[in-house]
Amino acid sequence: MQETPVHSFDQADVQSNKGMAIVAYILFFIPLIAAANSPFARYHANQGLTLFITCVALNIVLGIIPFIGWMLLPFANLGCLALAVIGIASAAQGGAKPLPIIGKYTLIK
């Protein structure tokens, strides 16, 4: 079994940008503007953007599919909420562990 990679960042960067990293899971673009030079905030902004795109795609696809899609939609949204909570907890602890399932994708360099 392959272990999930954990990124390491400068501790001064982590301490000064924890708040921006947490905000990234609510509004991913805020850290890109307010903490543009922070690799830690940028990493979490990438995770937040990936989560946002995944949740929007799930809502569109499941919203189009009659009955079964509509029944699965609340569970998909709970999954999105759970991933956001996992990301916020990781950011608050100063960690940079990728989100389960979707965390391996990099959209923001």
N, C-alpha and C. Protein backbone atom coordinates (compact mmCIF):
# COMPACT_ATOMS: atom_id res chain seq x y z
N MET A 1 0.85 -1.19 0.00
CA MET A 1 0.00 0.00 0.00
C MET A 1 0.89 1.24 0.00
N GLN A 2 0.59 2.16 -0.90
CA GLN A 2 1.40 3.36 -1.03
C GLN A 2 0.91 4.42 -0.04
N GLU A 3 1.87 5.03 0.65
CA GLU A 3 1.53 6.05 1.64
C GLU A 3 1.29 7.38 0.93
N THR A 4 0.31 8.14 1.42
CA THR A 4 -0.01 9.44 0.85
C THR A 4 1.10 10.44 1.16
N PRO A 5 1.61 11.15 0.14
CA PRO A 5 2.68 12.11 0.42
C PRO A 5 2.18 13.29 1.25
N VAL A 6 3.02 13.73 2.17
CA VAL A 6 2.71 14.90 2.97
C VAL A 6 3.74 15.96 2.62
N HIS A 7 3.29 17.13 2.25
CA HIS A 7 4.18 18.22 1.85
C HIS A 7 4.72 18.91 3.10
N SER A 8 5.93 19.44 2.98
CA SER A 8 6.49 20.20 4.10
C SER A 8 6.73 21.64 3.64
N PHE A 9 6.42 22.56 4.52
CA PHE A 9 6.55 23.98 4.23
C PHE A 9 7.33 24.65 5.35
N ASP A 10 7.84 25.84 5.07
CA ASP A 10 8.54 26.64 6.06
C ASP A 10 7.58 26.94 7.22
N GLN A 11 8.02 26.68 8.44
CA GLN A 11 7.15 26.87 9.61
C GLN A 11 6.70 28.31 9.79
N ALA A 12 7.53 29.27 9.44
CA ALA A 12 7.12 30.68 9.53
C ALA A 12 5.98 30.95 8.56
N ASP A 13 6.05 30.39 7.37
CA ASP A 13 4.99 30.53 6.37
C ASP A 13 3.70 29.88 6.88
N VAL A 14 3.84 28.69 7.45
CA VAL A 14 2.67 27.97 7.96
C VAL A 14 1.99 28.78 9.06
N GLN A 15 2.77 29.26 10.04
CA GLN A 15 2.18 30.00 11.15
C GLN A 15 1.53 31.30 10.72
N SER A 16 2.13 31.99 9.78
CA SER A 16 1.57 33.29 9.38
C SER A 16 0.42 33.17 8.39
N ASN A 17 0.22 32.00 7.79
CA ASN A 17 -0.83 31.86 6.78
C ASN A 17 -1.83 30.75 7.06
N LYS A 18 -1.92 30.31 8.31
CA LYS A 18 -2.92 29.28 8.67
C LYS A 18 -4.34 29.76 8.37
N GLY A 19 -4.60 31.01 8.71
CA GLY A 19 -5.94 31.56 8.47
C GLY A 19 -6.32 31.56 7.00
N MET A 20 -5.37 31.94 6.16
CA MET A 20 -5.63 31.94 4.72
C MET A 20 -5.83 30.52 4.20
N ALA A 21 -5.09 29.57 4.76
CA ALA A 21 -5.24 28.18 4.35
C ALA A 21 -6.63 27.65 4.72
N ILE A 22 -7.13 28.06 5.87
CA ILE A 22 -8.47 27.64 6.29
C ILE A 22 -9.53 28.26 5.37
N VAL A 23 -9.36 29.53 5.06
CA VAL A 23 -10.31 30.24 4.18
C VAL A 23 -10.35 29.61 2.80
N ALA A 24 -9.25 28.99 2.37
CA ALA A 24 -9.17 28.40 1.03
C ALA A 24 -10.24 27.34 0.79
N TYR A 25 -10.73 26.70 1.83
CA TYR A 25 -11.75 25.67 1.66
C TYR A 25 -13.16 26.26 1.61
N ILE A 26 -13.28 27.55 1.88
CA ILE A 26 -14.56 28.23 1.80
C ILE A 26 -14.62 29.07 0.52
N LEU A 27 -13.60 29.90 0.32
CA LEU A 27 -13.46 30.71 -0.90
C LEU A 27 -12.02 30.58 -1.37
N PHE A 28 -11.78 29.67 -2.30
CA PHE A 28 -10.41 29.31 -2.68
C PHE A 28 -9.60 30.47 -3.25
N PHE A 29 -10.24 31.48 -3.81
CA PHE A 29 -9.49 32.56 -4.47
C PHE A 29 -8.96 33.62 -3.50
N ILE A 30 -9.49 33.70 -2.29
CA ILE A 30 -9.03 34.70 -1.32
C ILE A 30 -7.55 34.52 -0.98
N PRO A 31 -7.07 33.30 -0.68
CA PRO A 31 -5.64 33.16 -0.39
C PRO A 31 -4.75 33.47 -1.60
N LEU A 32 -5.27 33.27 -2.79
CA LEU A 32 -4.49 33.59 -4.00
C LEU A 32 -4.26 35.09 -4.12
N ILE A 33 -5.17 35.88 -3.57
CA ILE A 33 -5.04 37.33 -3.61
C ILE A 33 -4.30 37.84 -2.38
N ALA A 34 -4.72 37.40 -1.20
CA ALA A 34 -4.19 37.94 0.05
C ALA A 34 -2.83 37.38 0.44
N ALA A 35 -2.54 36.14 0.05
CA ALA A 35 -1.27 35.52 0.42
C ALA A 35 -0.64 34.89 -0.82
N ALA A 36 -0.48 35.68 -1.85
CA ALA A 36 -0.03 35.17 -3.15
C ALA A 36 1.37 34.56 -3.10
N ASN A 37 2.22 34.99 -2.18
CA ASN A 37 3.59 34.49 -2.11
C ASN A 37 3.77 33.34 -1.13
N SER A 38 2.70 32.84 -0.57
CA SER A 38 2.77 31.77 0.42
C SER A 38 2.54 30.41 -0.24
N PRO A 39 3.56 29.55 -0.27
CA PRO A 39 3.35 28.20 -0.82
C PRO A 39 2.32 27.39 -0.02
N PHE A 40 2.27 27.60 1.29
CA PHE A 40 1.32 26.89 2.15
C PHE A 40 -0.12 27.28 1.80
N ALA A 41 -0.39 28.57 1.71
CA ALA A 41 -1.74 29.04 1.36
C ALA A 41 -2.10 28.64 -0.06
N ARG A 42 -1.13 28.67 -0.96
CA ARG A 42 -1.35 28.30 -2.36
C ARG A 42 -1.69 26.80 -2.46
N TYR A 43 -1.02 25.97 -1.68
CA TYR A 43 -1.32 24.54 -1.67
C TYR A 43 -2.78 24.30 -1.25
N HIS A 44 -3.19 24.96 -0.18
CA HIS A 44 -4.57 24.77 0.29
C HIS A 44 -5.58 25.43 -0.64
N ALA A 45 -5.20 26.50 -1.32
CA ALA A 45 -6.08 27.10 -2.33
C ALA A 45 -6.29 26.11 -3.48
N ASN A 46 -5.25 25.38 -3.86
CA ASN A 46 -5.37 24.35 -4.89
C ASN A 46 -6.33 23.26 -4.43
N GLN A 47 -6.17 22.82 -3.18
CA GLN A 47 -7.07 21.79 -2.65
C GLN A 47 -8.52 22.31 -2.62
N GLY A 48 -8.70 23.57 -2.23
CA GLY A 48 -10.04 24.16 -2.19
C GLY A 48 -10.66 24.29 -3.57
N LEU A 49 -9.85 24.67 -4.57
CA LEU A 49 -10.34 24.77 -5.94
C LEU A 49 -10.74 23.40 -6.48
N THR A 50 -9.91 22.41 -6.23
CA THR A 50 -10.22 21.04 -6.66
C THR A 50 -11.52 20.56 -6.02
N LEU A 51 -11.69 20.83 -4.75
CA LEU A 51 -12.91 20.45 -4.05
C LEU A 51 -14.12 21.19 -4.63
N PHE A 52 -13.98 22.48 -4.89
CA PHE A 52 -15.07 23.28 -5.45
C PHE A 52 -15.50 22.72 -6.81
N ILE A 53 -14.54 22.46 -7.69
CA ILE A 53 -14.86 21.95 -9.03
C ILE A 53 -15.53 20.58 -8.93
N THR A 54 -15.03 19.74 -8.05
CA THR A 54 -15.61 18.41 -7.86
C THR A 54 -17.05 18.51 -7.38
N CYS A 55 -17.31 19.38 -6.43
CA CYS A 55 -18.67 19.52 -5.88
C CYS A 55 -19.64 20.10 -6.90
N VAL A 56 -19.19 21.08 -7.67
CA VAL A 56 -20.04 21.65 -8.71
C VAL A 56 -20.36 20.59 -9.77
N ALA A 57 -19.34 19.84 -10.19
CA ALA A 57 -19.56 18.79 -11.19
C ALA A 57 -20.53 17.73 -10.69
N LEU A 58 -20.35 17.31 -9.44
CA LEU A 58 -21.27 16.32 -8.87
C LEU A 58 -22.70 16.84 -8.82
N ASN A 59 -22.87 18.10 -8.44
CA ASN A 59 -24.22 18.67 -8.36
C ASN A 59 -24.86 18.78 -9.73
N ILE A 60 -24.09 19.14 -10.73
CA ILE A 60 -24.64 19.25 -12.08
C ILE A 60 -25.03 17.88 -12.61
N VAL A 61 -24.10 16.93 -12.52
CA VAL A 61 -24.36 15.59 -13.06
C VAL A 61 -25.50 14.91 -12.33
N LEU A 62 -25.47 14.91 -11.00
CA LEU A 62 -26.53 14.24 -10.26
C LEU A 62 -27.86 14.99 -10.35
N GLY A 63 -27.81 16.29 -10.56
CA GLY A 63 -29.04 17.06 -10.73
C GLY A 63 -29.74 16.77 -12.05
N ILE A 64 -28.98 16.36 -13.05
CA ILE A 64 -29.55 16.06 -14.37
C ILE A 64 -30.19 14.67 -14.39
N ILE A 65 -29.61 13.74 -13.64
CA ILE A 65 -30.10 12.36 -13.65
C ILE A 65 -31.36 12.26 -12.79
N PRO A 66 -32.49 11.91 -13.42
CA PRO A 66 -33.73 11.84 -12.65
C PRO A 66 -33.71 10.72 -11.59
N PHE A 67 -34.39 10.95 -10.52
CA PHE A 67 -34.65 10.04 -9.40
C PHE A 67 -33.38 9.54 -8.71
N ILE A 68 -32.62 8.67 -9.36
CA ILE A 68 -31.42 8.12 -8.70
C ILE A 68 -30.42 9.22 -8.41
N GLY A 69 -30.18 10.09 -9.38
CA GLY A 69 -29.26 11.21 -9.18
C GLY A 69 -29.76 12.13 -8.08
N TRP A 70 -31.05 12.39 -8.08
CA TRP A 70 -31.62 13.28 -7.07
C TRP A 70 -31.53 12.65 -5.68
N MET A 71 -31.61 11.33 -5.62
CA MET A 71 -31.51 10.66 -4.32
C MET A 71 -30.05 10.62 -3.84
N LEU A 72 -29.10 10.57 -4.76
CA LEU A 72 -27.69 10.52 -4.40
C LEU A 72 -27.10 11.90 -4.10
N LEU A 73 -27.77 12.94 -4.57
CA LEU A 73 -27.26 14.31 -4.42
C LEU A 73 -26.99 14.71 -2.97
N PRO A 74 -27.87 14.44 -2.02
CA PRO A 74 -27.57 14.80 -0.62
C PRO A 74 -26.32 14.09 -0.09
N PHE A 75 -26.10 12.85 -0.49
CA PHE A 75 -24.93 12.11 -0.04
C PHE A 75 -23.65 12.68 -0.64
N ALA A 76 -23.73 13.11 -1.90
CA ALA A 76 -22.58 13.74 -2.54
C ALA A 76 -22.24 15.05 -1.84
N ASN A 77 -23.26 15.80 -1.48
CA ASN A 77 -23.02 17.07 -0.78
C ASN A 77 -22.46 16.84 0.62
N LEU A 78 -22.91 15.79 1.29
CA LEU A 78 -22.32 15.44 2.59
C LEU A 78 -20.86 15.05 2.43
N GLY A 79 -20.54 14.35 1.35
CA GLY A 79 -19.16 13.98 1.06
C GLY A 79 -18.30 15.22 0.82
N CYS A 80 -18.85 16.19 0.10
CA CYS A 80 -18.13 17.45 -0.14
C CYS A 80 -17.89 18.19 1.17
N LEU A 81 -18.89 18.21 2.02
CA LEU A 81 -18.76 18.86 3.33
C LEU A 81 -17.70 18.15 4.18
N ALA A 82 -17.71 16.83 4.15
CA ALA A 82 -16.72 16.06 4.91
C ALA A 82 -15.30 16.36 4.42
N LEU A 83 -15.12 16.43 3.10
CA LEU A 83 -13.79 16.76 2.56
C LEU A 83 -13.36 18.17 2.95
N ALA A 84 -14.31 19.10 2.96
CA ALA A 84 -13.98 20.47 3.38
C ALA A 84 -13.55 20.50 4.85
N VAL A 85 -14.24 19.76 5.69
CA VAL A 85 -13.89 19.71 7.11
C VAL A 85 -12.51 19.08 7.29
N ILE A 86 -12.22 18.03 6.54
CA ILE A 86 -10.89 17.40 6.61
C ILE A 86 -9.81 18.40 6.20
N GLY A 87 -10.06 19.14 5.12
CA GLY A 87 -9.09 20.14 4.66
C GLY A 87 -8.90 21.27 5.66
N ILE A 88 -9.98 21.74 6.24
CA ILE A 88 -9.90 22.83 7.23
C ILE A 88 -9.14 22.35 8.46
N ALA A 89 -9.41 21.12 8.90
CA ALA A 89 -8.69 20.58 10.07
C ALA A 89 -7.20 20.45 9.78
N SER A 90 -6.86 20.00 8.60
CA SER A 90 -5.45 19.87 8.22
C SER A 90 -4.77 21.23 8.18
N ALA A 91 -5.43 22.22 7.60
CA ALA A 91 -4.87 23.57 7.53
C ALA A 91 -4.71 24.18 8.92
N ALA A 92 -5.70 23.97 9.78
CA ALA A 92 -5.65 24.53 11.13
C ALA A 92 -4.52 23.93 11.96
N GLN A 93 -4.17 22.70 11.67
CA GLN A 93 -3.07 22.04 12.38
C GLN A 93 -1.72 22.35 11.75
N GLY A 94 -1.72 23.08 10.64
CA GLY A 94 -0.48 23.40 9.96
C GLY A 94 0.01 22.30 9.05
N GLY A 95 -0.86 21.35 8.75
CA GLY A 95 -0.49 20.23 7.89
C GLY A 95 -0.80 20.50 6.44
N ALA A 96 -0.32 19.61 5.60
CA ALA A 96 -0.57 19.73 4.16
C ALA A 96 -0.77 18.35 3.56
N LYS A 97 -1.68 17.60 4.16
CA LYS A 97 -1.99 16.26 3.66
C LYS A 97 -3.06 16.38 2.58
N PRO A 98 -2.86 15.75 1.43
CA PRO A 98 -3.85 15.84 0.35
C PRO A 98 -5.21 15.30 0.78
N LEU A 99 -6.26 15.88 0.24
CA LEU A 99 -7.61 15.39 0.52
C LEU A 99 -7.78 13.99 -0.04
N PRO A 100 -8.57 13.15 0.61
CA PRO A 100 -8.81 11.81 0.06
C PRO A 100 -9.48 11.91 -1.31
N ILE A 101 -9.14 11.03 -2.19
CA ILE A 101 -9.70 10.86 -3.53
C ILE A 101 -9.28 11.98 -4.50
N ILE A 102 -9.51 13.24 -4.16
CA ILE A 102 -9.28 14.33 -5.11
C ILE A 102 -8.00 15.11 -4.86
N GLY A 103 -7.31 14.85 -3.78
CA GLY A 103 -6.16 15.66 -3.38
C GLY A 103 -4.92 15.53 -4.23
N LYS A 104 -4.86 14.52 -5.08
CA LYS A 104 -3.65 14.32 -5.88
C LYS A 104 -3.58 15.22 -7.11
N TYR A 105 -4.64 15.92 -7.42
CA TYR A 105 -4.68 16.77 -8.60
C TYR A 105 -4.19 18.18 -8.29
N THR A 106 -3.35 18.71 -9.17
CA THR A 106 -2.81 20.06 -8.99
C THR A 106 -3.34 20.95 -10.10
N LEU A 107 -4.14 21.93 -9.74
CA LEU A 107 -4.69 22.87 -10.71
C LEU A 107 -3.99 24.22 -10.65
N ILE A 108 -3.47 24.56 -9.46
CA ILE A 108 -2.76 25.82 -9.26
C ILE A 108 -1.30 25.49 -8.97
N LYS A 109 -0.43 26.02 -9.77
CA LYS A 109 1.01 25.75 -9.58
C LYS A 109 1.63 26.75 -8.63
